[in-house]
Amino acid sequence: MKDMNNRQVRVPGPWEHDIAEHCRKFGIGPAEEKKLKKLLGSHAPLHEIQANQPPRQPKWR
């Protein structure tokens, strides 16, 4: 039997994300940014940031 190496190369992203950069990117206000920093610190995993951020505003067409 032939030995095949079928591994795929994956470059993982950063485990911890900057809260200030995330808030600036998604348009979260400074008051909510301050709450997130108090709750999670200045860096946190993305799933924790998304779970604790305020609900998004609806996009009206």
N, C-alpha and C. Protein backbone atom coordinates (compact mmCIF):
# COMPACT_ATOMS: atom_id res chain seq x y z
N MET A 1 0.84 -1.18 0.00
CA MET A 1 0.00 0.00 0.00
C MET A 1 0.88 1.24 0.00
N LYS A 2 0.44 2.22 -0.70
CA LYS A 2 1.19 3.46 -0.83
C LYS A 2 0.92 4.37 0.37
N ASP A 3 1.96 4.99 0.89
CA ASP A 3 1.81 5.93 2.01
C ASP A 3 1.58 7.32 1.44
N MET A 4 0.40 7.87 1.71
CA MET A 4 0.07 9.20 1.20
C MET A 4 -0.01 10.20 2.34
N ASN A 5 0.62 11.31 2.17
CA ASN A 5 0.53 12.39 3.13
C ASN A 5 -0.48 13.39 2.59
N ASN A 6 -1.69 13.37 3.12
CA ASN A 6 -2.78 14.19 2.59
C ASN A 6 -3.15 15.31 3.55
N ARG A 7 -2.17 15.87 4.24
CA ARG A 7 -2.47 16.96 5.17
C ARG A 7 -2.59 18.28 4.43
N GLN A 8 -3.53 19.10 4.86
CA GLN A 8 -3.68 20.42 4.26
C GLN A 8 -3.04 21.45 5.18
N VAL A 9 -2.43 22.43 4.58
CA VAL A 9 -1.75 23.47 5.35
C VAL A 9 -2.77 24.52 5.74
N ARG A 10 -2.82 24.87 7.01
CA ARG A 10 -3.73 25.90 7.50
C ARG A 10 -2.95 26.84 8.40
N VAL A 11 -2.99 28.11 8.08
CA VAL A 11 -2.33 29.10 8.90
C VAL A 11 -3.39 29.71 9.81
N PRO A 12 -3.32 29.41 11.11
CA PRO A 12 -4.37 29.92 11.99
C PRO A 12 -4.25 31.42 12.22
N GLY A 13 -5.39 32.06 12.48
CA GLY A 13 -5.40 33.48 12.79
C GLY A 13 -5.08 33.69 14.26
N PRO A 14 -5.08 34.91 14.70
CA PRO A 14 -4.78 35.18 16.11
C PRO A 14 -5.89 34.65 17.02
N TRP A 15 -5.52 34.11 18.17
CA TRP A 15 -6.51 33.59 19.11
C TRP A 15 -7.22 34.74 19.83
N GLU A 16 -6.49 35.78 20.12
CA GLU A 16 -7.05 36.91 20.86
C GLU A 16 -7.19 38.09 19.92
N HIS A 17 -8.32 38.78 20.00
CA HIS A 17 -8.58 39.94 19.15
C HIS A 17 -8.67 41.19 20.01
N ASP A 18 -8.25 42.31 19.45
CA ASP A 18 -8.29 43.59 20.15
C ASP A 18 -9.72 44.11 20.16
N ILE A 19 -10.22 44.43 21.35
CA ILE A 19 -11.61 44.88 21.50
C ILE A 19 -11.82 46.24 20.83
N ALA A 20 -10.88 47.16 20.98
CA ALA A 20 -11.02 48.50 20.40
C ALA A 20 -11.09 48.42 18.87
N GLU A 21 -10.25 47.59 18.28
CA GLU A 21 -10.25 47.44 16.83
C GLU A 21 -11.55 46.80 16.34
N HIS A 22 -12.06 45.83 17.08
CA HIS A 22 -13.31 45.17 16.72
C HIS A 22 -14.48 46.17 16.77
N CYS A 23 -14.52 46.99 17.81
CA CYS A 23 -15.60 47.98 17.96
C CYS A 23 -15.52 49.03 16.84
N ARG A 24 -14.32 49.44 16.50
CA ARG A 24 -14.16 50.43 15.43
C ARG A 24 -14.60 49.82 14.09
N LYS A 25 -14.28 48.57 13.87
CA LYS A 25 -14.61 47.90 12.61
C LYS A 25 -16.11 47.72 12.44
N PHE A 26 -16.83 47.41 13.53
CA PHE A 26 -18.25 47.12 13.44
C PHE A 26 -19.14 48.27 13.90
N GLY A 27 -18.57 49.45 14.16
CA GLY A 27 -19.36 50.63 14.47
C GLY A 27 -20.01 50.61 15.85
N ILE A 28 -19.37 49.97 16.80
CA ILE A 28 -19.89 49.92 18.17
C ILE A 28 -19.42 51.18 18.89
N GLY A 29 -20.32 51.85 19.61
CA GLY A 29 -20.02 53.12 20.25
C GLY A 29 -19.04 53.00 21.41
N PRO A 30 -18.53 54.15 21.86
CA PRO A 30 -17.53 54.14 22.94
C PRO A 30 -18.08 53.63 24.27
N ALA A 31 -19.36 53.85 24.55
CA ALA A 31 -19.92 53.35 25.82
C ALA A 31 -19.96 51.82 25.83
N GLU A 32 -20.38 51.24 24.71
CA GLU A 32 -20.41 49.77 24.61
C GLU A 32 -18.99 49.20 24.59
N GLU A 33 -18.07 49.92 23.95
CA GLU A 33 -16.67 49.47 23.94
C GLU A 33 -16.11 49.43 25.36
N LYS A 34 -16.44 50.43 26.15
CA LYS A 34 -15.98 50.48 27.53
C LYS A 34 -16.55 49.32 28.34
N LYS A 35 -17.84 48.99 28.11
CA LYS A 35 -18.46 47.86 28.80
C LYS A 35 -17.77 46.54 28.44
N LEU A 36 -17.48 46.36 27.12
CA LEU A 36 -16.81 45.14 26.69
C LEU A 36 -15.40 45.03 27.28
N LYS A 37 -14.68 46.15 27.32
CA LYS A 37 -13.34 46.12 27.90
C LYS A 37 -13.38 45.80 29.38
N LYS A 38 -14.38 46.32 30.08
CA LYS A 38 -14.52 46.04 31.51
C LYS A 38 -14.86 44.56 31.74
N LEU A 39 -15.69 44.01 30.87
CA LEU A 39 -16.11 42.63 31.00
C LEU A 39 -15.03 41.64 30.58
N LEU A 40 -14.37 41.89 29.43
CA LEU A 40 -13.47 40.91 28.84
C LEU A 40 -12.00 41.27 28.89
N GLY A 41 -11.66 42.52 29.18
CA GLY A 41 -10.27 42.96 29.10
C GLY A 41 -10.01 43.56 27.72
N SER A 42 -8.77 43.91 27.44
CA SER A 42 -8.48 44.58 26.17
C SER A 42 -8.36 43.60 25.01
N HIS A 43 -8.10 42.33 25.28
CA HIS A 43 -8.03 41.30 24.25
C HIS A 43 -8.87 40.12 24.68
N ALA A 44 -9.60 39.52 23.72
CA ALA A 44 -10.45 38.38 24.02
C ALA A 44 -10.66 37.55 22.75
N PRO A 45 -11.05 36.29 22.91
CA PRO A 45 -11.38 35.48 21.73
C PRO A 45 -12.59 36.05 21.00
N LEU A 46 -12.65 35.84 19.70
CA LEU A 46 -13.69 36.42 18.88
C LEU A 46 -15.08 35.95 19.28
N HIS A 47 -15.23 34.68 19.67
CA HIS A 47 -16.56 34.18 20.01
C HIS A 47 -17.09 34.84 21.29
N GLU A 48 -16.20 35.21 22.21
CA GLU A 48 -16.65 35.91 23.42
C GLU A 48 -17.05 37.35 23.12
N ILE A 49 -16.32 38.00 22.23
CA ILE A 49 -16.66 39.37 21.84
C ILE A 49 -18.03 39.39 21.17
N GLN A 50 -18.23 38.47 20.23
CA GLN A 50 -19.50 38.44 19.49
C GLN A 50 -20.67 38.06 20.39
N ALA A 51 -20.45 37.23 21.37
CA ALA A 51 -21.53 36.82 22.26
C ALA A 51 -21.96 37.96 23.18
N ASN A 52 -21.05 38.89 23.48
CA ASN A 52 -21.35 39.95 24.43
C ASN A 52 -21.57 41.32 23.79
N GLN A 53 -21.45 41.43 22.48
CA GLN A 53 -21.66 42.73 21.85
C GLN A 53 -23.15 43.03 21.74
N PRO A 54 -23.53 44.29 21.62
CA PRO A 54 -24.95 44.64 21.51
C PRO A 54 -25.53 44.15 20.19
N PRO A 55 -26.85 43.97 20.12
CA PRO A 55 -27.45 43.53 18.86
C PRO A 55 -27.22 44.56 17.75
N ARG A 56 -27.09 44.06 16.53
CA ARG A 56 -26.85 44.94 15.39
C ARG A 56 -28.12 45.69 15.02
N GLN A 57 -27.91 46.88 14.48
CA GLN A 57 -29.03 47.68 13.98
C GLN A 57 -29.52 47.07 12.67
N PRO A 58 -30.83 47.04 12.44
CA PRO A 58 -31.33 46.51 11.16
C PRO A 58 -30.97 47.43 10.01
N LYS A 59 -30.75 46.84 8.85
CA LYS A 59 -30.47 47.63 7.65
C LYS A 59 -31.76 47.79 6.88
N TRP A 60 -32.24 49.01 6.84
CA TRP A 60 -33.49 49.31 6.14
C TRP A 60 -33.20 49.57 4.67
N ARG A 61 -34.03 49.05 3.82
CA ARG A 61 -33.83 49.23 2.38
C ARG A 61 -34.80 50.23 1.83
